[in-house]
Amino acid sequence: MEYRTSDTPLAAYLLTQGHIPSAIDYSNPPRFEIVFANSDDGIRNLALRYGAGLAKVEPIAFNRILRKFNRILRNQVQWEDD
């Protein structure tokens, strides 16, 4: 099962929680979708917590990941671990 989102801050939050994106789908411009493959129900629960304003995250890590996502999306490349 996979989880897809075009919400970049949500994707950054999910990454801080250990969910690594498997791809970024650019097939429907100008929209994109960040794909998290092999996702369990836990990722959906995290997304619900995020949407409800209950997410807790280390701010420096979140900011670093969000900037990386924005750079990747601007250049339309795929996610790679550092």
C-alpha atoms as a PDB file:
ATOM      1  CA  MET A   1       0.000   0.000   0.000  1.00  0.00           C
ATOM      2  CA  GLU A   2       1.290   3.477  -0.773  1.00  0.00           C
ATOM      3  CA  TYR A   3       0.543   6.914   0.587  1.00  0.00           C
ATOM      4  CA  ARG A   4       0.615   9.995  -1.672  1.00  0.00           C
ATOM      5  CA  THR A   5       0.551  13.670  -0.795  1.00  0.00           C
ATOM      6  CA  SER A   6       1.162  16.969  -2.540  1.00  0.00           C
ATOM      7  CA  ASP A   7       1.469  18.706   0.851  1.00  0.00           C
ATOM      8  CA  THR A   8       5.193  19.391   1.164  1.00  0.00           C
ATOM      9  CA  PRO A   9       5.193  20.256   4.908  1.00  0.00           C
ATOM     10  CA  LEU A  10       3.231  17.046   5.610  1.00  0.00           C
ATOM     11  CA  ALA A  11       5.767  15.043   3.612  1.00  0.00           C
ATOM     12  CA  ALA A  12       8.598  16.677   5.586  1.00  0.00           C
ATOM     13  CA  TYR A  13       6.831  15.787   8.841  1.00  0.00           C
ATOM     14  CA  LEU A  14       6.362  12.165   7.710  1.00  0.00           C
ATOM     15  CA  LEU A  15      10.037  11.956   6.887  1.00  0.00           C
ATOM     16  CA  THR A  16      10.970  13.219  10.366  1.00  0.00           C
ATOM     17  CA  GLN A  17       8.861  10.342  11.682  1.00  0.00           C
ATOM     18  CA  GLY A  18      10.862   7.745   9.734  1.00  0.00           C
ATOM     19  CA  HIS A  19       8.806   7.376   6.550  1.00  0.00           C
ATOM     20  CA  ILE A  20      11.117   7.658   3.536  1.00  0.00           C
ATOM     21  CA  PRO A  21       9.607   8.754   0.214  1.00  0.00           C
ATOM     22  CA  SER A  22      10.063   6.237  -2.598  1.00  0.00           C
ATOM     23  CA  ALA A  23       9.387   8.623  -5.498  1.00  0.00           C
ATOM     24  CA  ILE A  24       7.994  11.966  -6.536  1.00  0.00           C
ATOM     25  CA  ASP A  25       5.358  11.813  -9.252  1.00  0.00           C
ATOM     26  CA  TYR A  26       5.568  14.784 -11.627  1.00  0.00           C
ATOM     27  CA  SER A  27       3.217  13.282 -14.248  1.00  0.00           C
ATOM     28  CA  ASN A  28       0.375  15.800 -13.723  1.00  0.00           C
ATOM     29  CA  PRO A  29       1.943  19.289 -13.943  1.00  0.00           C
ATOM     30  CA  PRO A  30       1.870  21.684 -12.223  1.00  0.00           C
ATOM     31  CA  ARG A  31       0.937  19.285  -9.403  1.00  0.00           C
ATOM     32  CA  PHE A  32       3.282  16.723  -7.909  1.00  0.00           C
ATOM     33  CA  GLU A  33       2.768  13.889  -5.473  1.00  0.00           C
ATOM     34  CA  ILE A  34       5.310  12.616  -2.997  1.00  0.00           C
ATOM     35  CA  VAL A  35       4.925   8.844  -2.800  1.00  0.00           C
ATOM     36  CA  PHE A  36       5.600   6.789   0.297  1.00  0.00           C
ATOM     37  CA  ALA A  37       5.605   3.116  -0.771  1.00  0.00           C
ATOM     38  CA  ASN A  38       5.028   0.170   1.532  1.00  0.00           C
ATOM     39  CA  SER A  39       3.158   2.386   3.972  1.00  0.00           C
ATOM     40  CA  ASP A  40       1.145   0.972   6.824  1.00  0.00           C
ATOM     41  CA  ASP A  41      -1.810   2.529   8.613  1.00  0.00           C
ATOM     42  CA  GLY A  42       0.655   4.328  10.876  1.00  0.00           C
ATOM     43  CA  ILE A  43       1.448   6.859   8.161  1.00  0.00           C
ATOM     44  CA  ARG A  44      -2.249   7.704   7.820  1.00  0.00           C
ATOM     45  CA  ASN A  45      -2.514   8.171  11.584  1.00  0.00           C
ATOM     46  CA  LEU A  46       0.484  10.523  11.490  1.00  0.00           C
ATOM     47  CA  ALA A  47      -1.145  12.488   8.653  1.00  0.00           C
ATOM     48  CA  LEU A  48      -4.348  12.786  10.696  1.00  0.00           C
ATOM     49  CA  ARG A  49      -2.376  14.023  13.720  1.00  0.00           C
ATOM     50  CA  TYR A  50      -0.602  16.536  11.493  1.00  0.00           C
ATOM     51  CA  GLY A  51      -3.912  17.769  10.078  1.00  0.00           C
ATOM     52  CA  ALA A  52      -5.369  18.095  13.580  1.00  0.00           C
ATOM     53  CA  GLY A  53      -2.423  20.201  14.760  1.00  0.00           C
ATOM     54  CA  LEU A  54      -1.125  17.497  17.098  1.00  0.00           C
ATOM     55  CA  ALA A  55       2.190  16.844  15.349  1.00  0.00           C
ATOM     56  CA  LYS A  56       5.383  17.262  17.344  1.00  0.00           C
ATOM     57  CA  VAL A  57       8.688  17.535  15.541  1.00  0.00           C
ATOM     58  CA  GLU A  58      12.234  18.734  16.127  1.00  0.00           C
ATOM     59  CA  PRO A  59      12.153  22.124  14.353  1.00  0.00           C
ATOM     60  CA  ILE A  60      15.695  22.201  12.948  1.00  0.00           C
ATOM     61  CA  ALA A  61      15.329  18.755  11.349  1.00  0.00           C
ATOM     62  CA  PHE A  62      11.904  19.675   9.969  1.00  0.00           C
ATOM     63  CA  ASN A  63      13.207  22.922   8.469  1.00  0.00           C
ATOM     64  CA  ARG A  64      16.206  21.173   6.883  1.00  0.00           C
ATOM     65  CA  ILE A  65      13.997  18.503   5.303  1.00  0.00           C
ATOM     66  CA  LEU A  66      11.409  21.031   4.121  1.00  0.00           C
ATOM     67  CA  ARG A  67      14.126  23.103   2.405  1.00  0.00           C
ATOM     68  CA  LYS A  68      15.478  19.941   0.748  1.00  0.00           C
ATOM     69  CA  PHE A  69      12.000  18.985  -0.498  1.00  0.00           C
ATOM     70  CA  ASN A  70      11.455  22.471  -1.921  1.00  0.00           C
ATOM     71  CA  ARG A  71      14.814  22.361  -3.734  1.00  0.00           C
ATOM     72  CA  ILE A  72      14.042  18.907  -5.150  1.00  0.00           C
ATOM     73  CA  LEU A  73      10.561  19.932  -6.287  1.00  0.00           C
ATOM     74  CA  ARG A  74      11.850  23.125  -7.909  1.00  0.00           C
ATOM     75  CA  ASN A  75      14.398  21.086  -9.918  1.00  0.00           C
ATOM     76  CA  GLN A  76      11.945  18.212 -10.528  1.00  0.00           C
ATOM     77  CA  VAL A  77      14.332  15.477  -9.431  1.00  0.00           C
ATOM     78  CA  GLN A  78      13.831  12.474  -7.163  1.00  0.00           C
ATOM     79  CA  TRP A  79      14.480  12.178  -3.441  1.00  0.00           C
ATOM     80  CA  GLU A  80      17.868  10.804  -2.430  1.00  0.00           C
ATOM     81  CA  ASP A  81      19.107  10.177   1.082  1.00  0.00           C
ATOM     82  CA  ASP A  82      22.068  12.283   2.177  1.00  0.00           C
END
